[in-house]
Amino acid sequence: MTHLGIRALAVIQTLALLLRTTAAFVGKSGMPPRSTDHPERGDVPGWVMITLMSAVLVAALLALAGPALEGLFNQAMDKVGN
């Protein structure tokens, strides 16, 4: 397996783990568990899921496009240096 393939596999496994964890936290109904503590507590699982999914998306893009971005940066620095 190539180095890029291993990175992509690691990102996919991390994404699957986060999705399972978030699904277990939210519950089977798709809605967060109701709390009787305070009626205006807010939707914590929603913003947690959005934050985790955004972080996983950034990590996946960086893992897949990292070498290409590094090469592009080095090429630009070589042109500026000359």
PDB file of N, CA and C in Angstrom:
ATOM      1  N   MET A   1       0.833  -1.172   0.000  1.00  0.00           N
ATOM      2  CA  MET A   1       0.000   0.000   0.000  1.00  0.00           C
ATOM      3  C   MET A   1       0.885   1.245   0.000  1.00  0.00           C
ATOM      4  N   THR A   2       0.507   2.246  -0.731  1.00  0.00           N
ATOM      5  CA  THR A   2       1.322   3.451  -0.795  1.00  0.00           C
ATOM      6  C   THR A   2       1.149   4.270   0.469  1.00  0.00           C
ATOM      7  N   HIS A   3       2.043   5.229   0.641  1.00  0.00           N
ATOM      8  CA  HIS A   3       1.979   6.108   1.810  1.00  0.00           C
ATOM      9  C   HIS A   3       0.677   6.895   1.807  1.00  0.00           C
ATOM     10  N   LEU A   4       0.241   7.349   0.649  1.00  0.00           N
ATOM     11  CA  LEU A   4      -1.017   8.085   0.535  1.00  0.00           C
ATOM     12  C   LEU A   4      -2.196   7.188   0.874  1.00  0.00           C
ATOM     13  N   GLY A   5      -2.156   5.939   0.478  1.00  0.00           N
ATOM     14  CA  GLY A   5      -3.235   5.008   0.779  1.00  0.00           C
ATOM     15  C   GLY A   5      -3.355   4.743   2.269  1.00  0.00           C
ATOM     16  N   ILE A   6      -2.242   4.668   2.960  1.00  0.00           N
ATOM     17  CA  ILE A   6      -2.266   4.449   4.406  1.00  0.00           C
ATOM     18  C   ILE A   6      -2.849   5.660   5.105  1.00  0.00           C
ATOM     19  N   ARG A   7      -2.486   6.862   4.654  1.00  0.00           N
ATOM     20  CA  ARG A   7      -3.047   8.080   5.245  1.00  0.00           C
ATOM     21  C   ARG A   7      -4.552   8.141   5.032  1.00  0.00           C
ATOM     22  N   ALA A   8      -4.992   7.848   3.825  1.00  0.00           N
ATOM     23  CA  ALA A   8      -6.420   7.896   3.524  1.00  0.00           C
ATOM     24  C   ALA A   8      -7.170   6.867   4.360  1.00  0.00           C
ATOM     25  N   LEU A   9      -6.609   5.682   4.530  1.00  0.00           N
ATOM     26  CA  LEU A   9      -7.239   4.659   5.342  1.00  0.00           C
ATOM     27  C   LEU A   9      -7.342   5.102   6.798  1.00  0.00           C
ATOM     28  N   ALA A  10      -6.312   5.741   7.307  1.00  0.00           N
ATOM     29  CA  ALA A  10      -6.345   6.231   8.689  1.00  0.00           C
ATOM     30  C   ALA A  10      -7.413   7.299   8.861  1.00  0.00           C
ATOM     31  N   VAL A  11      -7.548   8.173   7.885  1.00  0.00           N
ATOM     32  CA  VAL A  11      -8.575   9.223   7.949  1.00  0.00           C
ATOM     33  C   VAL A  11      -9.965   8.606   7.915  1.00  0.00           C
ATOM     34  N   ILE A  12     -10.173   7.624   7.074  1.00  0.00           N
ATOM     35  CA  ILE A  12     -11.480   6.969   6.974  1.00  0.00           C
ATOM     36  C   ILE A  12     -11.823   6.246   8.267  1.00  0.00           C
ATOM     37  N   GLN A  13     -10.852   5.582   8.871  1.00  0.00           N
ATOM     38  CA  GLN A  13     -11.104   4.898  10.135  1.00  0.00           C
ATOM     39  C   GLN A  13     -11.434   5.890  11.241  1.00  0.00           C
ATOM     40  N   THR A  14     -10.751   7.018  11.276  1.00  0.00           N
ATOM     41  CA  THR A  14     -11.037   8.042  12.271  1.00  0.00           C
ATOM     42  C   THR A  14     -12.430   8.607  12.075  1.00  0.00           C
ATOM     43  N   LEU A  15     -12.808   8.849  10.829  1.00  0.00           N
ATOM     44  CA  LEU A  15     -14.141   9.354  10.525  1.00  0.00           C
ATOM     45  C   LEU A  15     -15.205   8.359  10.976  1.00  0.00           C
ATOM     46  N   ALA A  16     -15.007   7.091  10.716  1.00  0.00           N
ATOM     47  CA  ALA A  16     -15.973   6.069  11.123  1.00  0.00           C
ATOM     48  C   ALA A  16     -16.103   6.018  12.643  1.00  0.00           C
ATOM     49  N   LEU A  17     -14.994   6.116  13.350  1.00  0.00           N
ATOM     50  CA  LEU A  17     -15.030   6.112  14.807  1.00  0.00           C
ATOM     51  C   LEU A  17     -15.792   7.323  15.341  1.00  0.00           C
ATOM     52  N   LEU A  18     -15.548   8.499  14.773  1.00  0.00           N
ATOM     53  CA  LEU A  18     -16.255   9.698  15.212  1.00  0.00           C
ATOM     54  C   LEU A  18     -17.747   9.604  14.935  1.00  0.00           C
ATOM     55  N   LEU A  19     -18.110   9.052  13.792  1.00  0.00           N
ATOM     56  CA  LEU A  19     -19.526   8.906  13.475  1.00  0.00           C
ATOM     57  C   LEU A  19     -20.209   7.936  14.428  1.00  0.00           C
ATOM     58  N   ARG A  20     -19.548   6.816  14.744  1.00  0.00           N
ATOM     59  CA  ARG A  20     -20.136   5.863  15.693  1.00  0.00           C
ATOM     60  C   ARG A  20     -20.284   6.487  17.066  1.00  0.00           C
ATOM     61  N   THR A  21     -19.274   7.225  17.508  1.00  0.00           N
ATOM     62  CA  THR A  21     -19.327   7.858  18.820  1.00  0.00           C
ATOM     63  C   THR A  21     -20.441   8.892  18.879  1.00  0.00           C
ATOM     64  N   THR A  22     -20.541   9.712  17.828  1.00  0.00           N
ATOM     65  CA  THR A  22     -21.580  10.737  17.801  1.00  0.00           C
ATOM     66  C   THR A  22     -22.963  10.104  17.732  1.00  0.00           C
ATOM     67  N   ALA A  23     -23.122   9.051  16.940  1.00  0.00           N
ATOM     68  CA  ALA A  23     -24.420   8.388  16.837  1.00  0.00           C
ATOM     69  C   ALA A  23     -24.823   7.773  18.172  1.00  0.00           C
ATOM     70  N   ALA A  24     -23.882   7.209  18.903  1.00  0.00           N
ATOM     71  CA  ALA A  24     -24.196   6.634  20.209  1.00  0.00           C
ATOM     72  C   ALA A  24     -24.570   7.724  21.203  1.00  0.00           C
ATOM     73  N   PHE A  25     -23.948   8.892  21.078  1.00  0.00           N
ATOM     74  CA  PHE A  25     -24.227   9.999  21.986  1.00  0.00           C
ATOM     75  C   PHE A  25     -25.595  10.602  21.705  1.00  0.00           C
ATOM     76  N   VAL A  26     -25.930  10.765  20.429  1.00  0.00           N
ATOM     77  CA  VAL A  26     -27.201  11.387  20.057  1.00  0.00           C
ATOM     78  C   VAL A  26     -28.361  10.450  20.361  1.00  0.00           C
ATOM     79  N   GLY A  27     -28.223   9.179  20.091  1.00  0.00           N
ATOM     80  CA  GLY A  27     -29.289   8.232  20.363  1.00  0.00           C
ATOM     81  C   GLY A  27     -29.908   7.702  19.087  1.00  0.00           C
ATOM     82  N   LYS A  28     -30.791   6.741  19.232  1.00  0.00           N
ATOM     83  CA  LYS A  28     -31.383   6.087  18.072  1.00  0.00           C
ATOM     84  C   LYS A  28     -32.368   6.967  17.333  1.00  0.00           C
ATOM     85  N   SER A  29     -33.014   7.900  18.015  1.00  0.00           N
ATOM     86  CA  SER A  29     -34.038   8.721  17.378  1.00  0.00           C
ATOM     87  C   SER A  29     -33.450   9.805  16.482  1.00  0.00           C
ATOM     88  N   GLY A  30     -32.163  10.049  16.562  1.00  0.00           N
ATOM     89  CA  GLY A  30     -31.560  11.116  15.782  1.00  0.00           C
ATOM     90  C   GLY A  30     -31.612  12.453  16.494  1.00  0.00           C
ATOM     91  N   MET A  31     -32.272  12.483  17.606  1.00  0.00           N
ATOM     92  CA  MET A  31     -32.371  13.697  18.407  1.00  0.00           C
ATOM     93  C   MET A  31     -31.556  13.503  19.680  1.00  0.00           C
ATOM     94  N   PRO A  32     -31.033  14.598  20.225  1.00  0.00           N
ATOM     95  CA  PRO A  32     -30.281  14.465  21.467  1.00  0.00           C
ATOM     96  C   PRO A  32     -31.203  14.022  22.604  1.00  0.00           C
ATOM     97  N   PRO A  33     -30.660  13.328  23.594  1.00  0.00           N
ATOM     98  CA  PRO A  33     -31.485  12.918  24.719  1.00  0.00           C
ATOM     99  C   PRO A  33     -32.065  14.124  25.439  1.00  0.00           C
ATOM    100  N   ARG A  34     -33.315  14.025  25.832  1.00  0.00           N
ATOM    101  CA  ARG A  34     -33.985  15.137  26.515  1.00  0.00           C
ATOM    102  C   ARG A  34     -33.532  15.185  27.971  1.00  0.00           C
ATOM    103  N   SER A  35     -33.293  16.369  28.445  1.00  0.00           N
ATOM    104  CA  SER A  35     -32.889  16.546  29.821  1.00  0.00           C
ATOM    105  C   SER A  35     -33.995  17.271  30.571  1.00  0.00           C
ATOM    106  N   THR A  36     -34.210  16.897  31.781  1.00  0.00           N
ATOM    107  CA  THR A  36     -35.212  17.571  32.611  1.00  0.00           C
ATOM    108  C   THR A  36     -34.579  18.635  33.484  1.00  0.00           C
ATOM    109  N   ASP A  37     -33.262  18.836  33.353  1.00  0.00           N
ATOM    110  CA  ASP A  37     -32.580  19.822  34.184  1.00  0.00           C
ATOM    111  C   ASP A  37     -33.028  21.245  33.865  1.00  0.00           C
ATOM    112  N   HIS A  38     -32.966  21.611  32.620  1.00  0.00           N
ATOM    113  CA  HIS A  38     -33.281  22.980  32.214  1.00  0.00           C
ATOM    114  C   HIS A  38     -33.892  22.941  30.818  1.00  0.00           C
ATOM    115  N   PRO A  39     -35.001  23.616  30.587  1.00  0.00           N
ATOM    116  CA  PRO A  39     -35.664  23.514  29.285  1.00  0.00           C
ATOM    117  C   PRO A  39     -34.914  24.205  28.153  1.00  0.00           C
ATOM    118  N   GLU A  40     -33.973  25.095  28.446  1.00  0.00           N
ATOM    119  CA  GLU A  40     -33.258  25.826  27.395  1.00  0.00           C
ATOM    120  C   GLU A  40     -31.774  25.470  27.381  1.00  0.00           C
ATOM    121  N   ARG A  41     -31.474  24.205  27.506  1.00  0.00           N
ATOM    122  CA  ARG A  41     -30.074  23.768  27.551  1.00  0.00           C
ATOM    123  C   ARG A  41     -29.358  23.913  26.225  1.00  0.00           C
ATOM    124  N   GLY A  42     -30.004  23.724  25.125  1.00  0.00           N
ATOM    125  CA  GLY A  42     -29.357  23.838  23.824  1.00  0.00           C
ATOM    126  C   GLY A  42     -29.036  22.480  23.227  1.00  0.00           C
ATOM    127  N   ASP A  43     -28.560  22.526  21.992  1.00  0.00           N
ATOM    128  CA  ASP A  43     -28.294  21.307  21.230  1.00  0.00           C
ATOM    129  C   ASP A  43     -26.795  21.058  21.190  1.00  0.00           C
ATOM    130  N   VAL A  44     -26.243  20.554  22.260  1.00  0.00           N
ATOM    131  CA  VAL A  44     -24.807  20.307  22.326  1.00  0.00           C
ATOM    132  C   VAL A  44     -24.365  19.251  21.312  1.00  0.00           C
ATOM    133  N   PRO A  45     -25.067  18.118  21.155  1.00  0.00           N
ATOM    134  CA  PRO A  45     -24.592  17.118  20.201  1.00  0.00           C
ATOM    135  C   PRO A  45     -24.510  17.638  18.767  1.00  0.00           C
ATOM    136  N   GLY A  46     -25.382  18.546  18.384  1.00  0.00           N
ATOM    137  CA  GLY A  46     -25.345  19.092  17.027  1.00  0.00           C
ATOM    138  C   GLY A  46     -24.055  19.843  16.748  1.00  0.00           C
ATOM    139  N   TRP A  47     -23.691  20.757  17.627  1.00  0.00           N
ATOM    140  CA  TRP A  47     -22.470  21.521  17.369  1.00  0.00           C
ATOM    141  C   TRP A  47     -21.227  20.664  17.561  1.00  0.00           C
ATOM    142  N   VAL A  48     -21.298  19.667  18.430  1.00  0.00           N
ATOM    143  CA  VAL A  48     -20.160  18.759  18.593  1.00  0.00           C
ATOM    144  C   VAL A  48     -19.939  17.985  17.302  1.00  0.00           C
ATOM    145  N   MET A  49     -21.022  17.496  16.718  1.00  0.00           N
ATOM    146  CA  MET A  49     -20.901  16.730  15.475  1.00  0.00           C
ATOM    147  C   MET A  49     -20.365  17.593  14.343  1.00  0.00           C
ATOM    148  N   ILE A  50     -20.847  18.831  14.227  1.00  0.00           N
ATOM    149  CA  ILE A  50     -20.370  19.732  13.178  1.00  0.00           C
ATOM    150  C   ILE A  50     -18.880  20.014  13.356  1.00  0.00           C
ATOM    151  N   THR A  51     -18.456  20.253  14.596  1.00  0.00           N
ATOM    152  CA  THR A  51     -17.037  20.523  14.862  1.00  0.00           C
ATOM    153  C   THR A  51     -16.170  19.312  14.518  1.00  0.00           C
ATOM    154  N   LEU A  52     -16.596  18.127  14.935  1.00  0.00           N
ATOM    155  CA  LEU A  52     -15.817  16.927  14.644  1.00  0.00           C
ATOM    156  C   LEU A  52     -15.762  16.633  13.151  1.00  0.00           C
ATOM    157  N   MET A  53     -16.880  16.782  12.469  1.00  0.00           N
ATOM    158  CA  MET A  53     -16.900  16.515  11.034  1.00  0.00           C
ATOM    159  C   MET A  53     -16.023  17.526  10.283  1.00  0.00           C
ATOM    160  N   SER A  54     -16.024  18.782  10.723  1.00  0.00           N
ATOM    161  CA  SER A  54     -15.164  19.783  10.085  1.00  0.00           C
ATOM    162  C   SER A  54     -13.694  19.436  10.285  1.00  0.00           C
ATOM    163  N   ALA A  55     -13.345  19.023  11.497  1.00  0.00           N
ATOM    164  CA  ALA A  55     -11.954  18.655  11.778  1.00  0.00           C
ATOM    165  C   ALA A  55     -11.530  17.445  10.950  1.00  0.00           C
ATOM    166  N   VAL A  56     -12.415  16.471  10.807  1.00  0.00           N
ATOM    167  CA  VAL A  56     -12.094  15.281  10.016  1.00  0.00           C
ATOM    168  C   VAL A  56     -11.963  15.644   8.542  1.00  0.00           C
ATOM    169  N   LEU A  57     -12.814  16.533   8.062  1.00  0.00           N
ATOM    170  CA  LEU A  57     -12.729  16.960   6.665  1.00  0.00           C
ATOM    171  C   LEU A  57     -11.408  17.673   6.384  1.00  0.00           C
ATOM    172  N   VAL A  58     -10.998  18.554   7.272  1.00  0.00           N
ATOM    173  CA  VAL A  58      -9.715  19.255   7.102  1.00  0.00           C
ATOM    174  C   VAL A  58      -8.559  18.255   7.147  1.00  0.00           C
ATOM    175  N   ALA A  59      -8.610  17.311   8.069  1.00  0.00           N
ATOM    176  CA  ALA A  59      -7.543  16.307   8.166  1.00  0.00           C
ATOM    177  C   ALA A  59      -7.487  15.439   6.909  1.00  0.00           C
ATOM    178  N   ALA A  60      -8.651  15.079   6.377  1.00  0.00           N
ATOM    179  CA  ALA A  60      -8.683  14.257   5.163  1.00  0.00           C
ATOM    180  C   ALA A  60      -8.112  15.017   3.974  1.00  0.00           C
ATOM    181  N   LEU A  61      -8.511  16.275   3.827  1.00  0.00           N
ATOM    182  CA  LEU A  61      -7.979  17.074   2.720  1.00  0.00           C
ATOM    183  C   LEU A  61      -6.477  17.269   2.852  1.00  0.00           C
ATOM    184  N   LEU A  62      -6.011  17.505   4.064  1.00  0.00           N
ATOM    185  CA  LEU A  62      -4.577  17.686   4.272  1.00  0.00           C
ATOM    186  C   LEU A  62      -3.813  16.393   3.994  1.00  0.00           C
ATOM    187  N   ALA A  63      -4.376  15.269   4.396  1.00  0.00           N
ATOM    188  CA  ALA A  63      -3.697  13.984   4.162  1.00  0.00           C
ATOM    189  C   ALA A  63      -3.628  13.664   2.673  1.00  0.00           C
ATOM    190  N   LEU A  64      -4.678  13.994   1.946  1.00  0.00           N
ATOM    191  CA  LEU A  64      -4.706  13.665   0.527  1.00  0.00           C
ATOM    192  C   LEU A  64      -3.949  14.677  -0.328  1.00  0.00           C
ATOM    193  N   ALA A  65      -4.022  15.959   0.038  1.00  0.00           N
ATOM    194  CA  ALA A  65      -3.415  16.996  -0.790  1.00  0.00           C
ATOM    195  C   ALA A  65      -2.114  17.544  -0.208  1.00  0.00           C
ATOM    196  N   GLY A  66      -1.679  17.037   0.935  1.00  0.00           N
ATOM    197  CA  GLY A  66      -0.476  17.554   1.594  1.00  0.00           C
ATOM    198  C   GLY A  66       0.774  17.525   0.734  1.00  0.00           C
ATOM    199  N   PRO A  67       1.120  16.386   0.137  1.00  0.00           N
ATOM    200  CA  PRO A  67       2.332  16.357  -0.690  1.00  0.00           C
ATOM    201  C   PRO A  67       2.259  17.300  -1.900  1.00  0.00           C
ATOM    202  N   ALA A  68       1.091  17.404  -2.520  1.00  0.00           N
ATOM    203  CA  ALA A  68       0.947  18.299  -3.665  1.00  0.00           C
ATOM    204  C   ALA A  68       1.090  19.759  -3.229  1.00  0.00           C
ATOM    205  N   LEU A  69       0.506  20.113  -2.083  1.00  0.00           N
ATOM    206  CA  LEU A  69       0.625  21.483  -1.577  1.00  0.00           C
ATOM    207  C   LEU A  69       2.064  21.797  -1.177  1.00  0.00           C
ATOM    208  N   GLU A  70       2.748  20.817  -0.609  1.00  0.00           N
ATOM    209  CA  GLU A  70       4.145  21.019  -0.240  1.00  0.00           C
ATOM    210  C   GLU A  70       5.012  21.253  -1.479  1.00  0.00           C
ATOM    211  N   GLY A  71       4.780  20.470  -2.527  1.00  0.00           N
ATOM    212  CA  GLY A  71       5.517  20.664  -3.772  1.00  0.00           C
ATOM    213  C   GLY A  71       5.235  22.018  -4.400  1.00  0.00           C
ATOM    214  N   LEU A  72       3.982  22.433  -4.372  1.00  0.00           N
ATOM    215  CA  LEU A  72       3.606  23.740  -4.910  1.00  0.00           C
ATOM    216  C   LEU A  72       4.281  24.867  -4.133  1.00  0.00           C
ATOM    217  N   PHE A  73       4.311  24.739  -2.813  1.00  0.00           N
ATOM    218  CA  PHE A  73       4.956  25.749  -1.974  1.00  0.00           C
ATOM    219  C   PHE A  73       6.457  25.816  -2.251  1.00  0.00           C
ATOM    220  N   ASN A  74       7.098  24.654  -2.330  1.00  0.00           N
ATOM    221  CA  ASN A  74       8.536  24.634  -2.595  1.00  0.00           C
ATOM    222  C   ASN A  74       8.861  25.218  -3.962  1.00  0.00           C
ATOM    223  N   GLN A  75       8.032  24.932  -4.950  1.00  0.00           N
ATOM    224  CA  GLN A  75       8.240  25.485  -6.294  1.00  0.00           C
ATOM    225  C   GLN A  75       8.106  27.010  -6.269  1.00  0.00           C
ATOM    226  N   ALA A  76       7.125  27.519  -5.558  1.00  0.00           N
ATOM    227  CA  ALA A  76       6.944  28.975  -5.464  1.00  0.00           C
ATOM    228  C   ALA A  76       8.113  29.626  -4.738  1.00  0.00           C
ATOM    229  N   MET A  77       8.626  28.966  -3.689  1.00  0.00           N
ATOM    230  CA  MET A  77       9.758  29.542  -2.956  1.00  0.00           C
ATOM    231  C   MET A  77      11.018  29.535  -3.817  1.00  0.00           C
ATOM    232  N   ASP A  78      11.180  28.512  -4.645  1.00  0.00           N
ATOM    233  CA  ASP A  78      12.336  28.479  -5.535  1.00  0.00           C
ATOM    234  C   ASP A  78      12.278  29.602  -6.557  1.00  0.00           C
ATOM    235  N   LYS A  79      11.095  29.900  -7.074  1.00  0.00           N
ATOM    236  CA  LYS A  79      10.945  30.992  -8.041  1.00  0.00           C
ATOM    237  C   LYS A  79      11.210  32.345  -7.398  1.00  0.00           C
ATOM    238  N   VAL A  80      10.758  32.525  -6.162  1.00  0.00           N
ATOM    239  CA  VAL A  80      10.967  33.796  -5.478  1.00  0.00           C
ATOM    240  C   VAL A  80      12.438  33.974  -5.145  1.00  0.00           C
ATOM    241  N   GLY A  81      13.116  32.897  -4.791  1.00  0.00           N
ATOM    242  CA  GLY A  81      14.518  32.968  -4.425  1.00  0.00           C
ATOM    243  C   GLY A  81      15.446  33.290  -5.592  1.00  0.00           C
ATOM    244  N   ASN A  82      14.998  33.057  -6.829  1.00  0.00           N
ATOM    245  CA  ASN A  82      15.866  33.298  -7.994  1.00  0.00           C
ATOM    246  C   ASN A  82      15.704  34.665  -8.546  1.00  0.00           C
TER     247      ASN A  82
END
